[in-house]
Each structure stands twice: as structure tokens, then as C-alpha cells.
Amino acid sequence: MRLRIGSVLLLGLVGCLIGCGEDGVANADPTGVIQGEVRDGTTGEVRLGVTVTVVLDGEAREVVTDKAGWFVHDNLPAGSTFAVDFALEGYATTRNSVSIDDEAGEHPQSNSVTTVFVDLFPNDNEIEVTVIDLDGFQPVEGLAVTAWNVYGCGGGRGSILDISRATTDEEGKATLDRLATAQTYSIRTEQTDRYYDEQVCITIGEDVDSVELQLVPLSCDGSPNGACDTDNPMGLEANMMCDCPGCSWDDAECP
């Protein structure tokens, strides 16, 4: 019995000398962990019940934050970067890009753990948008307007997934809702066969509850000539609209 125990100890020592070196032994399937805390970005309070989603091999894997606002996503491939979505009713859904160290799973060191702290912002805000045609300063009806949280707008983060959309009424007005507190948005229109696109950047919560977009009409033939034309406010009259009779969308012929 003593000989057998000694044999086992000896074999274990030899195994450690071979596989427990300074650099360790690579795991055949190294994995890591993404964990973290989710808070209300305006109050700092932790949020219970936030759905945290990671897409892995085309499959959405979800966990939910506990009463401490904490979540853990384990058994994720090492050396990978994931889009992690955070969703909770009453808050703007946010997407963060999170990476796990590519050395995860090397033994004897522990698998890598990436810890993130995420702020969610209430999305109970709205803003009224008015769209005006610069040729005659008339309201534009039936035009789609959107609100995007984008990096291109000063403080925009580009991480909020929710996009607010609405269509202007006969007064050229539309209401964009579900906008997140303290976030910067691009309020924009898309170019149509009649108007160029336009945008303005606004930050929710800075006493801004309305915005006006002034659209430049395309010229009668569809191509502004850069001269005295009602569709070219940057033309001859120093940033003012030119008086060019006969170049309006309502005219049958162009000069």
C-alpha cells in the first residue's frame, strides 16, 4: 500500500514538472467571463432586472441583474469581442462592445474576467420637431424624421439602440418620443426626391423641448445651379434666399 501511494505521488510530481511550468498549459477550449454592474445613469442607483444579452454563434444568451445590479456571463470564448445589450423597461436600450483577454484559459493562471460598469438612462423624454420648406417658408407634411444617438453629434455616444421615428402632420410637426435623459441626438430627415436632408444636434434635458428644421428644396430640374435659385440659400444674397421667380416646385416650367 505504501508503495502504491508513493507511486501516485511520484507520478503527480512528474506530471506537474511537465505541465505546471511558468507559462502554463494551454486549455484546448479557453473561456472567459464578462461581469459587471448596471446603474441608473441619473441617480447612480443599481438596477435590478436588467436583461443583459450576448449573441454567441447566432444564439442570444441572456442573464438578468440581481438586486445588487450585478450580472455574470460565463463560458464565453477567450480572445473575442462581444456586443452586449442592456435592456430594462423605462430605459434606453444600450449596447457596449466588450472584449475578453485572448490569454484566458491558460493554466495555471485563472481564466480572464472582464468587468464593466454600465449606466442606463430613462427614456421618458420627447421633443417636437417642426419642418419648414425654405422656398416660401411653408410647413412640410408627410416627411419622416428620426432621432439617432450618434458619435457624430458632439456628446453622442452611439451606443443607444433605440431610434425614435415620426411623420410630420399638416402643420409640419412631429413628436419624437422615448428619448434618453442627458443624451445627445441627431434629429434628422432623409433626402427625398424633393428635399435635401437636414439635421440638428440636441441634448435631452437642457431645456430643449422643440426644434425646427429648415429644408432646402431641390431645383426644378433636380440639380441646383449654385447661382440665384430659391433652392440655394448659400447663393448670391449672402446666405439669404434669392428672389428667383419661376424656380419653384409648383411651377410647370423652369426658366
C-alpha atoms as a PDB file:
ATOM      1  CA  MET A   1       0.000   0.000   0.000  1.00  0.00           C
ATOM      2  CA  ARG A   2       2.835   2.398   0.844  1.00  0.00           C
ATOM      3  CA  LEU A   3       4.494   1.675  -2.492  1.00  0.00           C
ATOM      4  CA  ARG A   4       1.292   2.408  -4.390  1.00  0.00           C
ATOM      5  CA  ILE A   5       0.785   5.738  -2.596  1.00  0.00           C
ATOM      6  CA  GLY A   6       4.378   6.690  -3.281  1.00  0.00           C
ATOM      7  CA  SER A   7       3.940   5.777  -6.938  1.00  0.00           C
ATOM      8  CA  VAL A   8       0.913   8.029  -7.215  1.00  0.00           C
ATOM      9  CA  LEU A   9       2.750  10.933  -5.565  1.00  0.00           C
ATOM     10  CA  LEU A  10       5.737  10.413  -7.844  1.00  0.00           C
ATOM     11  CA  LEU A  11       3.571  10.349 -10.945  1.00  0.00           C
ATOM     12  CA  GLY A  12       1.824  13.522  -9.777  1.00  0.00           C
ATOM     13  CA  LEU A  13       5.152  15.266  -9.261  1.00  0.00           C
ATOM     14  CA  VAL A  14       6.355  14.267 -12.737  1.00  0.00           C
ATOM     15  CA  GLY A  15       3.092  15.468 -14.238  1.00  0.00           C
ATOM     16  CA  CYS A  16       3.451  18.866 -12.542  1.00  0.00           C
ATOM     17  CA  LEU A  17       7.033  19.200 -13.749  1.00  0.00           C
ATOM     18  CA  ILE A  18       5.806  18.633 -17.297  1.00  0.00           C
ATOM     19  CA  GLY A  19       2.534  20.596 -17.210  1.00  0.00           C
ATOM     20  CA  CYS A  20       2.828  23.157 -14.415  1.00  0.00           C
ATOM     21  CA  GLY A  21       5.603  25.307 -15.849  1.00  0.00           C
ATOM     22  CA  GLU A  22       5.826  29.054 -15.617  1.00  0.00           C
ATOM     23  CA  ASP A  23       3.988  29.543 -18.883  1.00  0.00           C
ATOM     24  CA  GLY A  24       1.298  27.005 -18.082  1.00  0.00           C
ATOM     25  CA  VAL A  25      -0.531  24.613 -20.382  1.00  0.00           C
ATOM     26  CA  ALA A  26      -2.978  25.946 -22.924  1.00  0.00           C
ATOM     27  CA  ASN A  27      -6.577  24.943 -22.432  1.00  0.00           C
ATOM     28  CA  ALA A  28      -7.983  23.262 -25.524  1.00  0.00           C
ATOM     29  CA  ASP A  29     -11.107  25.402 -25.232  1.00  0.00           C
ATOM     30  CA  PRO A  30     -10.231  28.581 -23.287  1.00  0.00           C
ATOM     31  CA  THR A  31     -13.155  30.587 -21.985  1.00  0.00           C
ATOM     32  CA  GLY A  32     -13.650  33.766 -20.024  1.00  0.00           C
ATOM     33  CA  VAL A  33     -16.242  35.783 -18.146  1.00  0.00           C
ATOM     34  CA  ILE A  34     -17.991  39.133 -18.662  1.00  0.00           C
ATOM     35  CA  GLN A  35     -19.446  40.502 -15.464  1.00  0.00           C
ATOM     36  CA  GLY A  36     -20.449  43.864 -14.142  1.00  0.00           C
ATOM     37  CA  GLU A  37     -22.841  46.282 -12.523  1.00  0.00           C
ATOM     38  CA  VAL A  38     -25.705  48.252 -14.091  1.00  0.00           C
ATOM     39  CA  ARG A  39     -26.852  51.566 -12.627  1.00  0.00           C
ATOM     40  CA  ASP A  40     -29.276  54.380 -13.322  1.00  0.00           C
ATOM     41  CA  GLY A  41     -27.147  56.996 -15.081  1.00  0.00           C
ATOM     42  CA  THR A  42     -29.029  59.885 -13.467  1.00  0.00           C
ATOM     43  CA  THR A  43     -29.259  58.695  -9.844  1.00  0.00           C
ATOM     44  CA  GLY A  44     -26.417  56.175  -9.582  1.00  0.00           C
ATOM     45  CA  GLU A  45     -28.753  53.570  -8.105  1.00  0.00           C
ATOM     46  CA  VAL A  46     -28.174  49.927  -9.093  1.00  0.00           C
ATOM     47  CA  ARG A  47     -30.838  48.391 -11.327  1.00  0.00           C
ATOM     48  CA  LEU A  48     -32.457  45.018 -10.700  1.00  0.00           C
ATOM     49  CA  GLY A  49     -33.919  43.010 -13.594  1.00  0.00           C
ATOM     50  CA  VAL A  50     -31.832  44.413 -16.447  1.00  0.00           C
ATOM     51  CA  THR A  51     -31.653  41.866 -19.285  1.00  0.00           C
ATOM     52  CA  VAL A  52     -28.044  41.501 -20.422  1.00  0.00           C
ATOM     53  CA  THR A  53     -27.743  39.792 -23.813  1.00  0.00           C
ATOM     54  CA  VAL A  54     -24.704  38.357 -25.595  1.00  0.00           C
ATOM     55  CA  VAL A  55     -25.019  36.785 -29.055  1.00  0.00           C
ATOM     56  CA  LEU A  56     -22.825  33.682 -29.383  1.00  0.00           C
ATOM     57  CA  ASP A  57     -22.809  31.538 -32.543  1.00  0.00           C
ATOM     58  CA  GLY A  58     -26.064  33.139 -33.640  1.00  0.00           C
ATOM     59  CA  GLU A  59     -27.753  32.376 -30.332  1.00  0.00           C
ATOM     60  CA  ALA A  60     -28.788  35.078 -27.873  1.00  0.00           C
ATOM     61  CA  ARG A  61     -27.678  34.271 -24.343  1.00  0.00           C
ATOM     62  CA  GLU A  62     -29.414  36.251 -21.601  1.00  0.00           C
ATOM     63  CA  VAL A  63     -28.839  36.808 -17.913  1.00  0.00           C
ATOM     64  CA  VAL A  64     -30.600  39.242 -15.570  1.00  0.00           C
ATOM     65  CA  THR A  65     -29.054  41.571 -12.999  1.00  0.00           C
ATOM     66  CA  ASP A  66     -29.685  40.750  -9.342  1.00  0.00           C
ATOM     67  CA  LYS A  67     -30.760  43.130  -6.569  1.00  0.00           C
ATOM     68  CA  ALA A  68     -27.194  44.463  -6.422  1.00  0.00           C
ATOM     69  CA  GLY A  69     -27.353  45.319 -10.134  1.00  0.00           C
ATOM     70  CA  TRP A  70     -24.770  42.581 -10.803  1.00  0.00           C
ATOM     71  CA  PHE A  71     -24.613  40.134 -13.723  1.00  0.00           C
ATOM     72  CA  VAL A  72     -22.269  37.338 -14.844  1.00  0.00           C
ATOM     73  CA  HIS A  73     -21.913  35.872 -18.353  1.00  0.00           C
ATOM     74  CA  ASP A  74     -19.539  32.898 -18.202  1.00  0.00           C
ATOM     75  CA  ASN A  75     -18.190  30.264 -20.607  1.00  0.00           C
ATOM     76  CA  LEU A  76     -17.551  32.812 -23.355  1.00  0.00           C
ATOM     77  CA  PRO A  77     -14.765  32.185 -25.926  1.00  0.00           C
ATOM     78  CA  ALA A  78     -11.488  33.818 -24.995  1.00  0.00           C
ATOM     79  CA  GLY A  79      -9.916  36.382 -27.292  1.00  0.00           C
ATOM     80  CA  SER A  80     -13.326  37.560 -28.521  1.00  0.00           C
ATOM     81  CA  THR A  81     -15.165  40.857 -28.617  1.00  0.00           C
ATOM     82  CA  PHE A  82     -18.898  40.853 -27.981  1.00  0.00           C
ATOM     83  CA  ALA A  83     -21.784  43.264 -28.474  1.00  0.00           C
ATOM     84  CA  VAL A  84     -23.515  43.227 -25.102  1.00  0.00           C
ATOM     85  CA  ASP A  85     -27.026  44.700 -24.889  1.00  0.00           C
ATOM     86  CA  PHE A  86     -28.585  46.084 -21.706  1.00  0.00           C
ATOM     87  CA  ALA A  87     -32.380  46.431 -21.679  1.00  0.00           C
ATOM     88  CA  LEU A  88     -34.844  47.486 -18.983  1.00  0.00           C
ATOM     89  CA  GLU A  89     -38.368  48.853 -19.276  1.00  0.00           C
ATOM     90  CA  GLY A  90     -38.339  52.636 -18.908  1.00  0.00           C
ATOM     91  CA  TYR A  91     -34.715  52.969 -20.033  1.00  0.00           C
ATOM     92  CA  ALA A  92     -32.995  53.345 -23.393  1.00  0.00           C
ATOM     93  CA  THR A  93     -31.511  50.035 -24.537  1.00  0.00           C
ATOM     94  CA  THR A  94     -27.731  50.342 -24.626  1.00  0.00           C
ATOM     95  CA  ARG A  95     -25.076  48.311 -26.478  1.00  0.00           C
ATOM     96  CA  ASN A  96     -21.474  48.054 -25.244  1.00  0.00           C
ATOM     97  CA  SER A  97     -18.535  46.431 -27.020  1.00  0.00           C
ATOM     98  CA  VAL A  98     -16.753  44.157 -24.522  1.00  0.00           C
ATOM     99  CA  SER A  99     -13.586  42.090 -25.085  1.00  0.00           C
ATOM    100  CA  ILE A 100     -12.171  39.094 -23.206  1.00  0.00           C
ATOM    101  CA  ASP A 101      -8.409  38.667 -22.951  1.00  0.00           C
ATOM    102  CA  ASP A 102      -7.072  36.203 -25.524  1.00  0.00           C
ATOM    103  CA  GLU A 103      -4.916  34.559 -22.823  1.00  0.00           C
ATOM    104  CA  ALA A 104      -7.960  33.326 -20.970  1.00  0.00           C
ATOM    105  CA  GLY A 105      -7.792  29.649 -20.205  1.00  0.00           C
ATOM    106  CA  GLU A 106      -4.002  29.406 -19.863  1.00  0.00           C
ATOM    107  CA  HIS A 107      -3.149  27.331 -16.810  1.00  0.00           C
ATOM    108  CA  PRO A 108      -2.171  27.584 -14.032  1.00  0.00           C
ATOM    109  CA  GLN A 109      -3.496  31.174 -14.234  1.00  0.00           C
ATOM    110  CA  SER A 110      -7.236  31.682 -13.918  1.00  0.00           C
ATOM    111  CA  ASN A 111      -9.474  32.352 -16.893  1.00  0.00           C
ATOM    112  CA  SER A 112      -9.814  36.045 -17.789  1.00  0.00           C
ATOM    113  CA  VAL A 113     -12.631  38.080 -16.317  1.00  0.00           C
ATOM    114  CA  THR A 114     -13.741  41.384 -17.876  1.00  0.00           C
ATOM    115  CA  THR A 115     -15.674  43.684 -15.534  1.00  0.00           C
ATOM    116  CA  VAL A 116     -17.823  46.536 -16.856  1.00  0.00           C
ATOM    117  CA  PHE A 117     -19.901  49.247 -15.220  1.00  0.00           C
ATOM    118  CA  VAL A 118     -22.876  50.364 -17.304  1.00  0.00           C
ATOM    119  CA  ASP A 119     -25.187  53.366 -16.951  1.00  0.00           C
ATOM    120  CA  LEU A 120     -28.738  53.238 -18.289  1.00  0.00           C
ATOM    121  CA  PHE A 121     -30.725  56.422 -18.857  1.00  0.00           C
ATOM    122  CA  PRO A 122     -34.509  56.890 -18.530  1.00  0.00           C
ATOM    123  CA  ASN A 123     -36.180  57.280 -21.929  1.00  0.00           C
ATOM    124  CA  ASP A 124     -39.339  59.146 -20.917  1.00  0.00           C
ATOM    125  CA  ASN A 125     -38.484  62.323 -22.855  1.00  0.00           C
ATOM    126  CA  GLU A 126     -39.938  63.697 -26.081  1.00  0.00           C
ATOM    127  CA  ILE A 127     -39.296  66.594 -28.425  1.00  0.00           C
ATOM    128  CA  GLU A 128     -41.475  68.357 -31.006  1.00  0.00           C
ATOM    129  CA  VAL A 129     -39.933  68.812 -34.448  1.00  0.00           C
ATOM    130  CA  THR A 130     -41.204  71.350 -36.988  1.00  0.00           C
ATOM    131  CA  VAL A 131     -40.101  71.052 -40.625  1.00  0.00           C
ATOM    132  CA  ILE A 132     -40.216  74.135 -42.893  1.00  0.00           C
ATOM    133  CA  ASP A 133     -39.724  74.458 -46.662  1.00  0.00           C
ATOM    134  CA  LEU A 134     -37.258  77.317 -47.286  1.00  0.00           C
ATOM    135  CA  ASP A 135     -38.967  78.109 -50.579  1.00  0.00           C
ATOM    136  CA  GLY A 136     -41.870  80.092 -49.162  1.00  0.00           C
ATOM    137  CA  PHE A 137     -41.345  79.024 -45.538  1.00  0.00           C
ATOM    138  CA  GLN A 138     -44.283  76.627 -45.607  1.00  0.00           C
ATOM    139  CA  PRO A 139     -44.669  73.555 -43.361  1.00  0.00           C
ATOM    140  CA  VAL A 140     -43.686  70.217 -44.887  1.00  0.00           C
ATOM    141  CA  GLU A 141     -46.270  67.479 -44.421  1.00  0.00           C
ATOM    142  CA  GLY A 142     -45.723  63.716 -44.582  1.00  0.00           C
ATOM    143  CA  LEU A 143     -41.938  63.761 -44.067  1.00  0.00           C
ATOM    144  CA  ALA A 144     -40.232  61.181 -41.858  1.00  0.00           C
ATOM    145  CA  VAL A 145     -37.979  62.483 -39.079  1.00  0.00           C
ATOM    146  CA  THR A 146     -35.775  60.421 -36.767  1.00  0.00           C
ATOM    147  CA  ALA A 147     -33.663  60.775 -33.639  1.00  0.00           C
ATOM    148  CA  TRP A 148     -30.331  58.933 -33.529  1.00  0.00           C
ATOM    149  CA  ASN A 149     -27.814  58.795 -30.672  1.00  0.00           C
ATOM    150  CA  VAL A 150     -24.595  59.050 -32.713  1.00  0.00           C
ATOM    151  CA  TYR A 151     -20.923  59.890 -32.222  1.00  0.00           C
ATOM    152  CA  GLY A 152     -21.231  62.492 -34.984  1.00  0.00           C
ATOM    153  CA  CYS A 153     -23.175  64.767 -32.629  1.00  0.00           C
ATOM    154  CA  GLY A 154     -20.856  66.229 -30.005  1.00  0.00           C
ATOM    155  CA  GLY A 155     -21.770  64.278 -26.872  1.00  0.00           C
ATOM    156  CA  GLY A 156     -23.481  61.443 -28.721  1.00  0.00           C
ATOM    157  CA  ARG A 157     -22.309  58.026 -27.554  1.00  0.00           C
ATOM    158  CA  GLY A 158     -23.593  55.933 -30.442  1.00  0.00           C
ATOM    159  CA  SER A 159     -24.427  53.135 -28.009  1.00  0.00           C
ATOM    160  CA  ILE A 160     -28.183  53.628 -27.612  1.00  0.00           C
ATOM    161  CA  LEU A 161     -30.037  51.244 -29.903  1.00  0.00           C
ATOM    162  CA  ASP A 162     -33.472  52.867 -29.754  1.00  0.00           C
ATOM    163  CA  ILE A 163     -34.282  55.057 -32.749  1.00  0.00           C
ATOM    164  CA  SER A 164     -37.317  57.326 -32.498  1.00  0.00           C
ATOM    165  CA  ARG A 165     -39.319  57.882 -35.704  1.00  0.00           C
ATOM    166  CA  ALA A 166     -42.333  60.027 -36.590  1.00  0.00           C
ATOM    167  CA  THR A 167     -44.009  61.673 -39.611  1.00  0.00           C
ATOM    168  CA  THR A 168     -44.878  65.368 -39.906  1.00  0.00           C
ATOM    169  CA  ASP A 169     -48.535  66.423 -39.958  1.00  0.00           C
ATOM    170  CA  GLU A 170     -50.189  69.189 -41.988  1.00  0.00           C
ATOM    171  CA  GLU A 171     -48.505  71.775 -39.770  1.00  0.00           C
ATOM    172  CA  GLY A 172     -45.099  70.225 -40.437  1.00  0.00           C
ATOM    173  CA  LYS A 173     -44.910  68.942 -36.868  1.00  0.00           C
ATOM    174  CA  ALA A 174     -43.882  65.548 -35.495  1.00  0.00           C
ATOM    175  CA  THR A 175     -43.223  64.294 -31.956  1.00  0.00           C
ATOM    176  CA  LEU A 176     -40.198  62.102 -31.277  1.00  0.00           C
ATOM    177  CA  ASP A 177     -40.530  60.170 -28.030  1.00  0.00           C
ATOM    178  CA  ARG A 178     -38.655  57.617 -25.892  1.00  0.00           C
ATOM    179  CA  LEU A 179     -35.539  59.813 -25.859  1.00  0.00           C
ATOM    180  CA  ALA A 180     -32.967  59.222 -23.111  1.00  0.00           C
ATOM    181  CA  THR A 181     -32.161  61.787 -20.442  1.00  0.00           C
ATOM    182  CA  ALA A 182     -28.804  63.596 -20.758  1.00  0.00           C
ATOM    183  CA  GLN A 183     -28.072  62.008 -24.141  1.00  0.00           C
ATOM    184  CA  THR A 184     -27.238  63.825 -27.383  1.00  0.00           C
ATOM    185  CA  TYR A 185     -29.239  63.021 -30.510  1.00  0.00           C
ATOM    186  CA  SER A 186     -29.137  63.858 -34.179  1.00  0.00           C
ATOM    187  CA  ILE A 187     -32.629  64.984 -35.183  1.00  0.00           C
ATOM    188  CA  ARG A 188     -32.665  64.436 -38.916  1.00  0.00           C
ATOM    189  CA  THR A 189     -34.583  63.999 -42.127  1.00  0.00           C
ATOM    190  CA  GLU A 190     -33.541  61.878 -45.081  1.00  0.00           C
ATOM    191  CA  GLN A 191     -33.090  63.237 -48.574  1.00  0.00           C
ATOM    192  CA  THR A 192     -36.119  62.715 -50.779  1.00  0.00           C
ATOM    193  CA  ASP A 193     -36.822  63.437 -54.429  1.00  0.00           C
ATOM    194  CA  ARG A 194     -37.913  66.902 -53.314  1.00  0.00           C
ATOM    195  CA  TYR A 195     -35.666  67.921 -50.420  1.00  0.00           C
ATOM    196  CA  TYR A 196     -32.114  67.671 -49.264  1.00  0.00           C
ATOM    197  CA  ASP A 197     -31.604  66.039 -45.882  1.00  0.00           C
ATOM    198  CA  GLU A 198     -31.052  68.156 -42.776  1.00  0.00           C
ATOM    199  CA  GLN A 199     -30.088  67.550 -39.164  1.00  0.00           C
ATOM    200  CA  VAL A 200     -29.580  69.325 -35.864  1.00  0.00           C
ATOM    201  CA  CYS A 201     -27.903  68.039 -32.696  1.00  0.00           C
ATOM    202  CA  ILE A 202     -29.720  68.396 -29.369  1.00  0.00           C
ATOM    203  CA  THR A 203     -29.083  67.164 -25.829  1.00  0.00           C
ATOM    204  CA  ILE A 204     -32.083  65.920 -23.879  1.00  0.00           C
ATOM    205  CA  GLY A 205     -32.536  67.669 -20.554  1.00  0.00           C
ATOM    206  CA  GLU A 206     -31.066  71.040 -21.459  1.00  0.00           C
ATOM    207  CA  ASP A 207     -34.444  72.777 -21.568  1.00  0.00           C
ATOM    208  CA  VAL A 208     -34.871  71.874 -25.237  1.00  0.00           C
ATOM    209  CA  ASP A 209     -38.401  70.670 -25.953  1.00  0.00           C
ATOM    210  CA  SER A 210     -38.730  71.706 -29.607  1.00  0.00           C
ATOM    211  CA  VAL A 211     -36.586  72.148 -32.692  1.00  0.00           C
ATOM    212  CA  GLU A 212     -37.103  73.467 -36.229  1.00  0.00           C
ATOM    213  CA  LEU A 213     -35.562  72.005 -39.373  1.00  0.00           C
ATOM    214  CA  GLN A 214     -35.483  74.192 -42.497  1.00  0.00           C
ATOM    215  CA  LEU A 215     -35.245  72.143 -45.674  1.00  0.00           C
ATOM    216  CA  VAL A 216     -33.685  73.267 -48.952  1.00  0.00           C
ATOM    217  CA  PRO A 217     -35.830  72.200 -51.927  1.00  0.00           C
ATOM    218  CA  LEU A 218     -34.190  70.621 -54.922  1.00  0.00           C
ATOM    219  CA  SER A 219     -34.314  72.831 -58.007  1.00  0.00           C
ATOM    220  CA  CYS A 220     -36.920  72.308 -60.690  1.00  0.00           C
ATOM    221  CA  ASP A 221     -34.597  70.186 -62.797  1.00  0.00           C
ATOM    222  CA  GLY A 222     -33.221  68.342 -59.777  1.00  0.00           C
ATOM    223  CA  SER A 223     -29.771  69.937 -59.802  1.00  0.00           C
ATOM    224  CA  PRO A 224     -29.051  73.247 -58.013  1.00  0.00           C
ATOM    225  CA  ASN A 225     -27.134  75.612 -60.250  1.00  0.00           C
ATOM    226  CA  GLY A 226     -25.284  77.351 -57.413  1.00  0.00           C
ATOM    227  CA  ALA A 227     -26.471  80.760 -58.536  1.00  0.00           C
ATOM    228  CA  CYS A 228     -29.599  82.773 -57.855  1.00  0.00           C
ATOM    229  CA  ASP A 229     -32.034  79.990 -57.149  1.00  0.00           C
ATOM    230  CA  THR A 230     -34.662  79.520 -54.463  1.00  0.00           C
ATOM    231  CA  ASP A 231     -33.140  76.164 -53.589  1.00  0.00           C
ATOM    232  CA  ASN A 232     -29.717  77.678 -52.844  1.00  0.00           C
ATOM    233  CA  PRO A 233     -29.717  79.691 -49.590  1.00  0.00           C
ATOM    234  CA  MET A 234     -25.913  79.902 -49.805  1.00  0.00           C
ATOM    235  CA  GLY A 235     -26.193  81.745 -53.128  1.00  0.00           C
ATOM    236  CA  LEU A 236     -25.799  85.346 -54.232  1.00  0.00           C
ATOM    237  CA  GLU A 237     -27.608  87.021 -51.364  1.00  0.00           C
ATOM    238  CA  ALA A 238     -25.121  86.221 -48.579  1.00  0.00           C
ATOM    239  CA  ASN A 239     -26.864  83.236 -47.003  1.00  0.00           C
ATOM    240  CA  MET A 240     -30.342  84.613 -47.684  1.00  0.00           C
ATOM    241  CA  MET A 241     -32.864  83.173 -50.115  1.00  0.00           C
ATOM    242  CA  CYS A 242     -32.729  84.759 -53.567  1.00  0.00           C
ATOM    243  CA  ASP A 243     -35.849  86.107 -55.249  1.00  0.00           C
ATOM    244  CA  CYS A 244     -35.884  83.994 -58.372  1.00  0.00           C
ATOM    245  CA  PRO A 245     -39.443  83.838 -59.771  1.00  0.00           C
ATOM    246  CA  GLY A 246     -40.223  80.750 -61.786  1.00  0.00           C
ATOM    247  CA  CYS A 247     -37.971  78.317 -59.952  1.00  0.00           C
ATOM    248  CA  SER A 248     -40.420  76.727 -57.585  1.00  0.00           C
ATOM    249  CA  TRP A 249     -41.716  73.194 -57.311  1.00  0.00           C
ATOM    250  CA  ASP A 250     -45.213  74.446 -58.034  1.00  0.00           C
ATOM    251  CA  ASP A 251     -44.262  75.896 -61.422  1.00  0.00           C
ATOM    252  CA  ALA A 252     -44.870  73.887 -64.538  1.00  0.00           C
ATOM    253  CA  GLU A 253     -41.712  75.069 -66.267  1.00  0.00           C
ATOM    254  CA  CYS A 254     -38.279  76.192 -65.179  1.00  0.00           C
ATOM    255  CA  PRO A 255     -36.625  79.304 -66.595  1.00  0.00           C
END
